[in-house]
PDB file of N, CA and C in Angstrom:
ATOM      1  N   MET A   1       0.547  -1.214  -0.026  1.00  0.00           N
ATOM      2  CA  MET A   1      -0.435   0.077  -0.063  1.00  0.00           C
ATOM      3  C   MET A   1       0.668   1.193  -0.366  1.00  0.00           C
ATOM      4  N   LYS A   2       2.102   1.423   0.603  1.00  0.00           N
ATOM      5  CA  LYS A   2       2.807   2.342   0.797  1.00  0.00           C
ATOM      6  C   LYS A   2       3.392   2.505  -0.662  1.00  0.00           C
ATOM      7  N   ILE A   3       3.691   1.933  -1.493  1.00  0.00           N
ATOM      8  CA  ILE A   3       4.316   1.757  -2.540  1.00  0.00           C
ATOM      9  C   ILE A   3       3.511   2.081  -3.030  1.00  0.00           C
ATOM     10  N   ALA A   4       2.084   1.986  -3.463  1.00  0.00           N
ATOM     11  CA  ALA A   4       1.086   2.592  -4.390  1.00  0.00           C
ATOM     12  C   ALA A   4       1.036   4.202  -4.272  1.00  0.00           C
ATOM     13  N   ILE A   5       1.507   4.306  -2.843  1.00  0.00           N
ATOM     14  CA  ILE A   5       0.879   5.452  -2.356  1.00  0.00           C
ATOM     15  C   ILE A   5       2.102   6.213  -3.292  1.00  0.00           C
ATOM     16  N   SER A   6       3.042   6.205  -2.712  1.00  0.00           N
ATOM     17  CA  SER A   6       4.682   6.419  -3.028  1.00  0.00           C
ATOM     18  C   SER A   6       4.346   6.934  -4.913  1.00  0.00           C
ATOM     19  N   PHE A   7       3.953   6.249  -5.103  1.00  0.00           N
ATOM     20  CA  PHE A   7       4.111   5.670  -6.684  1.00  0.00           C
ATOM     21  C   PHE A   7       3.148   6.840  -7.162  1.00  0.00           C
ATOM     22  N   LEU A   8       1.761   7.167  -6.355  1.00  0.00           N
ATOM     23  CA  LEU A   8       0.687   8.171  -6.263  1.00  0.00           C
ATOM     24  C   LEU A   8       1.226   9.819  -6.780  1.00  0.00           C
ATOM     25  N   ALA A   9       2.078   9.493  -5.728  1.00  0.00           N
ATOM     26  CA  ALA A   9       2.100  11.104  -5.194  1.00  0.00           C
ATOM     27  C   ALA A   9       3.774  11.210  -5.945  1.00  0.00           C
ATOM     28  N   ALA A  10       4.116  10.288  -6.725  1.00  0.00           N
ATOM     29  CA  ALA A  10       5.285  11.359  -7.852  1.00  0.00           C
ATOM     30  C   ALA A  10       4.414  10.928  -8.984  1.00  0.00           C
ATOM     31  N   VAL A  11       3.327  10.706  -9.622  1.00  0.00           N
ATOM     32  CA  VAL A  11       2.923  10.253 -10.927  1.00  0.00           C
ATOM     33  C   VAL A  11       2.308  12.167 -10.400  1.00  0.00           C
ATOM     34  N   LEU A  12       1.431  12.733  -9.773  1.00  0.00           N
ATOM     35  CA  LEU A  12       1.250  13.790  -9.419  1.00  0.00           C
ATOM     36  C   LEU A  12       1.456  14.502  -9.643  1.00  0.00           C
ATOM     37  N   LEU A  13       3.004  14.405  -9.250  1.00  0.00           N
ATOM     38  CA  LEU A  13       3.988  15.855  -8.105  1.00  0.00           C
ATOM     39  C   LEU A  13       4.427  16.068 -10.392  1.00  0.00           C
ATOM     40  N   THR A  14       4.853  14.999 -11.302  1.00  0.00           N
ATOM     41  CA  THR A  14       5.177  15.152 -12.009  1.00  0.00           C
ATOM     42  C   THR A  14       4.387  15.907 -13.440  1.00  0.00           C
ATOM     43  N   GLY A  15       3.204  15.255 -13.070  1.00  0.00           N
ATOM     44  CA  GLY A  15       1.892  16.183 -14.119  1.00  0.00           C
ATOM     45  C   GLY A  15       1.480  17.850 -13.294  1.00  0.00           C
ATOM     46  N   THR A  16       1.904  18.051 -11.858  1.00  0.00           N
ATOM     47  CA  THR A  16       2.295  19.313 -11.733  1.00  0.00           C
ATOM     48  C   THR A  16       3.330  20.126 -12.605  1.00  0.00           C
ATOM     49  N   LEU A  17       4.196  19.938 -11.875  1.00  0.00           N
ATOM     50  CA  LEU A  17       5.207  20.505 -12.597  1.00  0.00           C
ATOM     51  C   LEU A  17       5.218  20.208 -14.324  1.00  0.00           C
ATOM     52  N   GLY A  18       4.930  19.532 -15.051  1.00  0.00           N
ATOM     53  CA  GLY A  18       4.969  19.512 -16.629  1.00  0.00           C
ATOM     54  C   GLY A  18       3.565  20.960 -16.092  1.00  0.00           C
ATOM     55  N   SER A  19       2.659  20.546 -16.258  1.00  0.00           N
ATOM     56  CA  SER A  19       2.007  22.087 -16.366  1.00  0.00           C
ATOM     57  C   SER A  19       1.930  23.246 -16.230  1.00  0.00           C
ATOM     58  N   ILE A  20       3.126  23.530 -14.818  1.00  0.00           N
ATOM     59  CA  ILE A  20       3.285  24.892 -14.885  1.00  0.00           C
ATOM     60  C   ILE A  20       4.142  25.373 -15.461  1.00  0.00           C
ATOM     61  N   ASN A  21       5.769  24.396 -16.107  1.00  0.00           N
ATOM     62  CA  ASN A  21       6.219  24.219 -17.039  1.00  0.00           C
ATOM     63  C   ASN A  21       5.112  25.214 -18.355  1.00  0.00           C
ATOM     64  N   THR A  22       4.502  24.247 -18.679  1.00  0.00           N
ATOM     65  CA  THR A  22       4.004  24.954 -19.551  1.00  0.00           C
ATOM     66  C   THR A  22       3.003  25.979 -19.856  1.00  0.00           C
ATOM     67  N   ALA A  23       2.372  26.328 -18.773  1.00  0.00           N
ATOM     68  CA  ALA A  23       1.844  27.435 -18.464  1.00  0.00           C
ATOM     69  C   ALA A  23       2.224  28.852 -18.783  1.00  0.00           C
ATOM     70  N   MET A  24       3.769  28.764 -17.733  1.00  0.00           N
ATOM     71  CA  MET A  24       5.294  29.922 -17.679  1.00  0.00           C
ATOM     72  C   MET A  24       5.493  29.938 -19.103  1.00  0.00           C
ATOM     73  N   GLY A  25       6.050  29.169 -20.387  1.00  0.00           N
ATOM     74  CA  GLY A  25       6.589  29.289 -21.771  1.00  0.00           C
ATOM     75  C   GLY A  25       5.243  29.230 -22.073  1.00  0.00           C
ATOM     76  N   ALA A  26       4.111  29.547 -22.488  1.00  0.00           N
ATOM     77  CA  ALA A  26       2.972  29.829 -22.611  1.00  0.00           C
ATOM     78  C   ALA A  26       3.331  30.414 -24.538  1.00  0.00           C
ATOM     79  N   ASP A  27       4.068  31.794 -24.373  1.00  0.00           N
ATOM     80  CA  ASP A  27       4.065  32.547 -24.907  1.00  0.00           C
ATOM     81  C   ASP A  27       5.331  32.200 -25.876  1.00  0.00           C
ATOM     82  N   GLY A  28       6.658  31.206 -25.350  1.00  0.00           N
ATOM     83  CA  GLY A  28       7.850  31.114 -25.760  1.00  0.00           C
ATOM     84  C   GLY A  28       8.900  31.765 -25.019  1.00  0.00           C
ATOM     85  N   VAL A  29       8.319  32.568 -24.278  1.00  0.00           N
ATOM     86  CA  VAL A  29       9.242  33.535 -22.791  1.00  0.00           C
ATOM     87  C   VAL A  29       9.790  32.819 -22.009  1.00  0.00           C
ATOM     88  N   ILE A  30      11.212  32.157 -21.825  1.00  0.00           N
ATOM     89  CA  ILE A  30      11.614  31.939 -20.705  1.00  0.00           C
ATOM     90  C   ILE A  30      12.046  32.787 -19.723  1.00  0.00           C
ATOM     91  N   SER A  31      12.448  34.053 -20.249  1.00  0.00           N
ATOM     92  CA  SER A  31      13.141  34.992 -19.624  1.00  0.00           C
ATOM     93  C   SER A  31      12.608  36.351 -19.922  1.00  0.00           C
ATOM     94  N   LYS A  32      12.948  37.123 -19.105  1.00  0.00           N
ATOM     95  CA  LYS A  32      12.664  39.350 -19.658  1.00  0.00           C
ATOM     96  C   LYS A  32      13.747  39.527 -18.941  1.00  0.00           C
ATOM     97  N   ASP A  33      14.691  40.114 -18.848  1.00  0.00           N
ATOM     98  CA  ASP A  33      15.289  41.299 -17.530  1.00  0.00           C
ATOM     99  C   ASP A  33      15.284  42.771 -18.051  1.00  0.00           C
ATOM    100  N   GLU A  34      14.642  43.813 -17.944  1.00  0.00           N
ATOM    101  CA  GLU A  34      15.156  45.249 -18.166  1.00  0.00           C
ATOM    102  C   GLU A  34      16.084  45.211 -17.485  1.00  0.00           C
ATOM    103  N   MET A  35      16.502  45.801 -18.693  1.00  0.00           N
ATOM    104  CA  MET A  35      18.245  46.380 -18.735  1.00  0.00           C
ATOM    105  C   MET A  35      18.051  48.703 -18.338  1.00  0.00           C
ATOM    106  N   THR A  36      16.997  48.354 -19.290  1.00  0.00           N
ATOM    107  CA  THR A  36      17.411  50.030 -18.497  1.00  0.00           C
ATOM    108  C   THR A  36      15.479  50.186 -18.938  1.00  0.00           C
ATOM    109  N   ALA A  37      15.050  51.060 -18.281  1.00  0.00           N
ATOM    110  CA  ALA A  37      13.273  51.124 -18.540  1.00  0.00           C
ATOM    111  C   ALA A  37      12.918  51.455 -19.929  1.00  0.00           C
ATOM    112  N   ASN A  38      12.443  50.760 -20.268  1.00  0.00           N
ATOM    113  CA  ASN A  38      11.126  50.153 -22.036  1.00  0.00           C
ATOM    114  C   ASN A  38      12.326  50.939 -23.061  1.00  0.00           C
ATOM    115  N   SER A  39      13.934  50.421 -22.761  1.00  0.00           N
ATOM    116  CA  SER A  39      14.554  49.986 -23.847  1.00  0.00           C
ATOM    117  C   SER A  39      15.487  49.322 -24.179  1.00  0.00           C
ATOM    118  N   TYR A  40      16.632  48.483 -23.766  1.00  0.00           N
ATOM    119  CA  TYR A  40      17.037  47.837 -23.355  1.00  0.00           C
ATOM    120  C   TYR A  40      16.447  46.183 -22.582  1.00  0.00           C
ATOM    121  N   CYS A  41      16.667  45.188 -23.304  1.00  0.00           N
ATOM    122  CA  CYS A  41      15.885  43.940 -22.758  1.00  0.00           C
ATOM    123  C   CYS A  41      17.322  42.631 -23.025  1.00  0.00           C
ATOM    124  N   HIS A  42      17.529  41.313 -22.121  1.00  0.00           N
ATOM    125  CA  HIS A  42      17.789  40.789 -22.167  1.00  0.00           C
ATOM    126  C   HIS A  42      16.652  39.292 -22.165  1.00  0.00           C
ATOM    127  N   GLU A  43      16.228  38.567 -23.103  1.00  0.00           N
ATOM    128  CA  GLU A  43      15.269  37.577 -23.218  1.00  0.00           C
ATOM    129  C   GLU A  43      15.555  36.690 -23.862  1.00  0.00           C
ATOM    130  N   LYS A  44      15.246  35.150 -23.183  1.00  0.00           N
ATOM    131  CA  LYS A  44      15.206  33.852 -23.536  1.00  0.00           C
ATOM    132  C   LYS A  44      14.403  33.500 -23.646  1.00  0.00           C
ATOM    133  N   PHE A  45      13.979  32.744 -24.889  1.00  0.00           N
ATOM    134  CA  PHE A  45      12.845  32.216 -25.319  1.00  0.00           C
ATOM    135  C   PHE A  45      12.978  31.416 -26.223  1.00  0.00           C
ATOM    136  N   HIS A  46      12.183  29.999 -26.691  1.00  0.00           N
ATOM    137  CA  HIS A  46      12.042  29.221 -27.197  1.00  0.00           C
ATOM    138  C   HIS A  46      12.113  29.199 -28.788  1.00  0.00           C
ATOM    139  N   PRO A  47      12.795  28.852 -29.355  1.00  0.00           N
ATOM    140  CA  PRO A  47      12.567  28.830 -30.886  1.00  0.00           C
ATOM    141  C   PRO A  47      11.645  28.340 -31.852  1.00  0.00           C
ATOM    142  N   MET A  48      11.868  28.935 -32.682  1.00  0.00           N
ATOM    143  CA  MET A  48       9.963  28.219 -33.823  1.00  0.00           C
ATOM    144  C   MET A  48      10.401  26.932 -34.305  1.00  0.00           C
ATOM    145  N   THR A  49       9.253  25.870 -34.784  1.00  0.00           N
ATOM    146  CA  THR A  49       9.748  24.967 -35.141  1.00  0.00           C
ATOM    147  C   THR A  49      10.198  24.700 -36.557  1.00  0.00           C
ATOM    148  N   GLY A  50      11.223  23.893 -37.320  1.00  0.00           N
ATOM    149  CA  GLY A  50      11.674  24.727 -38.508  1.00  0.00           C
ATOM    150  C   GLY A  50      10.585  24.466 -39.785  1.00  0.00           C
ATOM    151  N   GLN A  51       9.839  23.318 -39.288  1.00  0.00           N
ATOM    152  CA  GLN A  51       8.290  23.124 -40.915  1.00  0.00           C
ATOM    153  C   GLN A  51       7.390  24.410 -40.356  1.00  0.00           C
ATOM    154  N   SER A  52       7.556  24.771 -39.831  1.00  0.00           N
ATOM    155  CA  SER A  52       6.335  26.316 -38.669  1.00  0.00           C
ATOM    156  C   SER A  52       6.812  27.842 -39.447  1.00  0.00           C
ATOM    157  N   LEU A  53       7.892  27.764 -40.037  1.00  0.00           N
ATOM    158  CA  LEU A  53       8.903  29.135 -40.014  1.00  0.00           C
ATOM    159  C   LEU A  53       8.238  29.557 -41.949  1.00  0.00           C
ATOM    160  N   ASP A  54       7.993  28.747 -42.514  1.00  0.00           N
ATOM    161  CA  ASP A  54       7.432  29.005 -43.753  1.00  0.00           C
ATOM    162  C   ASP A  54       5.772  29.041 -44.256  1.00  0.00           C
ATOM    163  N   THR A  55       5.271  28.822 -42.486  1.00  0.00           N
ATOM    164  CA  THR A  55       3.358  28.382 -42.606  1.00  0.00           C
ATOM    165  C   THR A  55       3.127  30.293 -42.653  1.00  0.00           C
ATOM    166  N   ASP A  56       1.491  30.387 -42.240  1.00  0.00           N
ATOM    167  CA  ASP A  56       1.394  31.476 -41.282  1.00  0.00           C
ATOM    168  C   ASP A  56       1.242  31.403 -39.961  1.00  0.00           C
ATOM    169  N   ILE A  57       1.487  30.512 -39.693  1.00  0.00           N
ATOM    170  CA  ILE A  57       1.336  30.553 -38.339  1.00  0.00           C
ATOM    171  C   ILE A  57       2.337  29.809 -37.583  1.00  0.00           C
ATOM    172  N   PRO A  58       3.433  30.284 -37.052  1.00  0.00           N
ATOM    173  CA  PRO A  58       4.466  30.311 -36.229  1.00  0.00           C
ATOM    174  C   PRO A  58       4.255  29.020 -35.408  1.00  0.00           C
ATOM    175  N   VAL A  59       5.011  28.269 -34.952  1.00  0.00           N
ATOM    176  CA  VAL A  59       4.550  26.768 -34.004  1.00  0.00           C
ATOM    177  C   VAL A  59       5.811  27.483 -32.410  1.00  0.00           C
ATOM    178  N   VAL A  60       5.611  27.322 -31.703  1.00  0.00           N
ATOM    179  CA  VAL A  60       6.758  27.609 -31.489  1.00  0.00           C
ATOM    180  C   VAL A  60       7.705  26.418 -30.424  1.00  0.00           C
ATOM    181  N   ASN A  61       8.394  25.801 -30.643  1.00  0.00           N
ATOM    182  CA  ASN A  61       9.157  24.732 -30.261  1.00  0.00           C
ATOM    183  C   ASN A  61       9.573  24.560 -28.680  1.00  0.00           C
ATOM    184  N   ASN A  62       9.125  23.646 -28.192  1.00  0.00           N
ATOM    185  CA  ASN A  62       9.250  24.067 -26.340  1.00  0.00           C
ATOM    186  C   ASN A  62      10.166  23.510 -25.715  1.00  0.00           C
ATOM    187  N   SER A  63      11.245  22.337 -26.916  1.00  0.00           N
ATOM    188  CA  SER A  63      12.467  21.862 -26.776  1.00  0.00           C
ATOM    189  C   SER A  63      13.609  22.457 -26.162  1.00  0.00           C
ATOM    190  N   GLY A  64      14.408  21.948 -25.503  1.00  0.00           N
ATOM    191  CA  GLY A  64      15.706  22.470 -24.948  1.00  0.00           C
ATOM    192  C   GLY A  64      16.501  23.368 -25.286  1.00  0.00           C
ATOM    193  N   ALA A  65      15.919  24.193 -26.588  1.00  0.00           N
ATOM    194  CA  ALA A  65      17.098  25.014 -27.505  1.00  0.00           C
ATOM    195  C   ALA A  65      15.852  26.094 -26.753  1.00  0.00           C
ATOM    196  N   THR A  66      16.922  27.305 -26.673  1.00  0.00           N
ATOM    197  CA  THR A  66      16.713  28.328 -27.089  1.00  0.00           C
ATOM    198  C   THR A  66      17.187  29.625 -27.367  1.00  0.00           C
ATOM    199  N   ILE A  67      16.928  30.777 -27.544  1.00  0.00           N
ATOM    200  CA  ILE A  67      17.686  31.856 -28.195  1.00  0.00           C
ATOM    201  C   ILE A  67      17.839  32.766 -27.172  1.00  0.00           C
ATOM    202  N   ASP A  68      19.364  33.448 -26.728  1.00  0.00           N
ATOM    203  CA  ASP A  68      19.275  34.222 -26.357  1.00  0.00           C
ATOM    204  C   ASP A  68      19.074  35.909 -26.607  1.00  0.00           C
ATOM    205  N   PHE A  69      18.181  36.593 -26.804  1.00  0.00           N
ATOM    206  CA  PHE A  69      17.930  38.028 -27.315  1.00  0.00           C
ATOM    207  C   PHE A  69      18.613  39.110 -26.465  1.00  0.00           C
ATOM    208  N   TYR A  70      19.559  40.023 -27.268  1.00  0.00           N
ATOM    209  CA  TYR A  70      19.504  41.842 -26.033  1.00  0.00           C
ATOM    210  C   TYR A  70      19.131  42.092 -27.888  1.00  0.00           C
ATOM    211  N   GLY A  71      18.310  43.409 -27.021  1.00  0.00           N
ATOM    212  CA  GLY A  71      17.541  44.224 -27.466  1.00  0.00           C
ATOM    213  C   GLY A  71      16.434  45.250 -27.341  1.00  0.00           C
ATOM    214  N   SER A  72      15.342  45.848 -28.127  1.00  0.00           N
ATOM    215  CA  SER A  72      14.181  46.461 -27.749  1.00  0.00           C
ATOM    216  C   SER A  72      13.460  45.649 -26.460  1.00  0.00           C
ATOM    217  N   CYS A  73      12.810  45.739 -25.686  1.00  0.00           N
ATOM    218  CA  CYS A  73      11.589  45.225 -24.799  1.00  0.00           C
ATOM    219  C   CYS A  73      10.353  44.661 -25.514  1.00  0.00           C
ATOM    220  N   ASN A  74      10.214  45.040 -26.193  1.00  0.00           N
ATOM    221  CA  ASN A  74       9.045  45.042 -26.648  1.00  0.00           C
ATOM    222  C   ASN A  74       9.496  43.948 -28.176  1.00  0.00           C
ATOM    223  N   GLU A  75      10.052  43.389 -28.154  1.00  0.00           N
ATOM    224  CA  GLU A  75      10.329  42.460 -29.079  1.00  0.00           C
ATOM    225  C   GLU A  75       9.962  40.848 -29.311  1.00  0.00           C
ATOM    226  N   ASN A  76       8.985  40.287 -29.647  1.00  0.00           N
ATOM    227  CA  ASN A  76       7.882  39.120 -30.001  1.00  0.00           C
ATOM    228  C   ASN A  76       8.371  38.260 -30.790  1.00  0.00           C
ATOM    229  N   PRO A  77       9.002  37.021 -29.540  1.00  0.00           N
ATOM    230  CA  PRO A  77       9.282  35.590 -29.910  1.00  0.00           C
ATOM    231  C   PRO A  77       8.684  35.239 -31.339  1.00  0.00           C
ATOM    232  N   LEU A  78       7.941  35.955 -31.975  1.00  0.00           N
ATOM    233  CA  LEU A  78       6.813  35.492 -32.939  1.00  0.00           C
ATOM    234  C   LEU A  78       7.116  36.174 -33.897  1.00  0.00           C
ATOM    235  N   SER A  79       7.293  37.475 -33.701  1.00  0.00           N
ATOM    236  CA  SER A  79       7.571  38.313 -35.179  1.00  0.00           C
ATOM    237  C   SER A  79       7.745  38.007 -36.723  1.00  0.00           C
ATOM    238  N   GLN A  80       7.829  38.979 -37.123  1.00  0.00           N
ATOM    239  CA  GLN A  80       8.396  39.082 -37.899  1.00  0.00           C
ATOM    240  C   GLN A  80       9.899  38.638 -38.521  1.00  0.00           C
ATOM    241  N   ASP A  81      10.099  39.631 -37.569  1.00  0.00           N
ATOM    242  CA  ASP A  81      11.935  39.400 -37.481  1.00  0.00           C
ATOM    243  C   ASP A  81      12.743  38.579 -37.143  1.00  0.00           C
ATOM    244  N   GLN A  82      11.608  37.763 -35.814  1.00  0.00           N
ATOM    245  CA  GLN A  82      12.363  36.164 -35.324  1.00  0.00           C
ATOM    246  C   GLN A  82      12.050  35.345 -36.096  1.00  0.00           C
ATOM    247  N   ILE A  83      11.473  35.371 -36.953  1.00  0.00           N
ATOM    248  CA  ILE A  83      10.909  34.548 -38.478  1.00  0.00           C
ATOM    249  C   ILE A  83      12.015  34.903 -39.209  1.00  0.00           C
ATOM    250  N   HIS A  84      12.372  35.982 -39.715  1.00  0.00           N
ATOM    251  CA  HIS A  84      13.085  36.236 -40.736  1.00  0.00           C
ATOM    252  C   HIS A  84      14.134  35.549 -40.346  1.00  0.00           C
ATOM    253  N   ASP A  85      15.169  36.229 -38.658  1.00  0.00           N
ATOM    254  CA  ASP A  85      16.063  35.589 -38.106  1.00  0.00           C
ATOM    255  C   ASP A  85      16.737  34.082 -38.135  1.00  0.00           C
ATOM    256  N   GLN A  86      15.629  33.420 -37.990  1.00  0.00           N
ATOM    257  CA  GLN A  86      15.453  31.514 -37.741  1.00  0.00           C
ATOM    258  C   GLN A  86      15.560  31.464 -39.199  1.00  0.00           C
ATOM    259  N   LYS A  87      15.351  31.839 -40.162  1.00  0.00           N
ATOM    260  CA  LYS A  87      15.147  30.899 -41.317  1.00  0.00           C
ATOM    261  C   LYS A  87      16.449  31.669 -41.768  1.00  0.00           C
ATOM    262  N   LEU A  88      16.850  32.219 -41.401  1.00  0.00           N
ATOM    263  CA  LEU A  88      18.597  32.648 -41.919  1.00  0.00           C
ATOM    264  C   LEU A  88      19.446  31.720 -41.095  1.00  0.00           C
ATOM    265  N   GLN A  89      18.948  31.370 -39.721  1.00  0.00           N
ATOM    266  CA  GLN A  89      19.718  30.440 -39.285  1.00  0.00           C
ATOM    267  C   GLN A  89      20.167  28.995 -39.706  1.00  0.00           C
ATOM    268  N   ALA A  90      18.441  29.244 -40.244  1.00  0.00           N
ATOM    269  CA  ALA A  90      18.729  27.583 -41.016  1.00  0.00           C
ATOM    270  C   ALA A  90      19.489  27.269 -42.059  1.00  0.00           C
ATOM    271  N   GLN A  91      18.756  28.499 -42.973  1.00  0.00           N
ATOM    272  CA  GLN A  91      19.788  28.503 -44.306  1.00  0.00           C
ATOM    273  C   GLN A  91      21.605  28.135 -43.898  1.00  0.00           C
ATOM    274  N   HIS A  92      22.163  28.999 -42.958  1.00  0.00           N
ATOM    275  CA  HIS A  92      23.451  28.708 -42.286  1.00  0.00           C
ATOM    276  C   HIS A  92      23.439  27.812 -42.258  1.00  0.00           C
ATOM    277  N   ARG A  93      23.220  27.638 -40.508  1.00  0.00           N
ATOM    278  CA  ARG A  93      22.933  26.031 -40.690  1.00  0.00           C
ATOM    279  C   ARG A  93      23.344  24.638 -41.716  1.00  0.00           C
ATOM    280  N   PHE A  94      22.229  24.754 -42.672  1.00  0.00           N
ATOM    281  CA  PHE A  94      22.159  24.026 -44.005  1.00  0.00           C
ATOM    282  C   PHE A  94      23.171  23.888 -44.774  1.00  0.00           C
ATOM    283  N   ALA A  95      23.954  25.471 -45.128  1.00  0.00           N
ATOM    284  CA  ALA A  95      24.850  25.525 -45.907  1.00  0.00           C
ATOM    285  C   ALA A  95      26.056  25.167 -45.067  1.00  0.00           C
ATOM    286  N   ASN A  96      26.616  25.087 -43.648  1.00  0.00           N
ATOM    287  CA  ASN A  96      27.443  24.356 -42.965  1.00  0.00           C
ATOM    288  C   ASN A  96      27.484  22.607 -42.716  1.00  0.00           C
ATOM    289  N   ASP A  97      26.192  22.367 -42.548  1.00  0.00           N
ATOM    290  CA  ASP A  97      26.462  21.276 -42.664  1.00  0.00           C
ATOM    291  C   ASP A  97      26.247  20.616 -43.548  1.00  0.00           C
ATOM    292  N   TYR A  98      25.313  20.703 -44.947  1.00  0.00           N
ATOM    293  CA  TYR A  98      25.410  19.840 -46.037  1.00  0.00           C
ATOM    294  C   TYR A  98      25.839  19.987 -47.235  1.00  0.00           C
ATOM    295  N   GLU A  99      26.501  21.221 -46.844  1.00  0.00           N
ATOM    296  CA  GLU A  99      26.939  21.667 -48.674  1.00  0.00           C
ATOM    297  C   GLU A  99      28.359  21.975 -48.525  1.00  0.00           C
ATOM    298  N   ASP A 100      28.947  21.730 -49.720  1.00  0.00           N
ATOM    299  CA  ASP A 100      31.040  21.230 -49.717  1.00  0.00           C
ATOM    300  C   ASP A 100      31.139  23.359 -49.751  1.00  0.00           C
TER     301      ASP A 100
END
């Protein structure tokens, strides 16, 4: 009986941690540190999935990868600037990995 209760507690704890992580990173932003008022920020956010970069609706990839962004505090992780930058990075990565 003690093993069953311990197992149930572990399952509940794991489920709770997963839902908290999803709620905190719903928009893709992991952390946002404002350096100076309304002008300069350091943000960490999840990149978009490679397949969604070419669609009208970008999807955030909540894997372990993160992007360190230094710049304007009003930067949106799903903005057209980020889509362009991530497409460019994917092209560079492809060129370095697969082309001669």
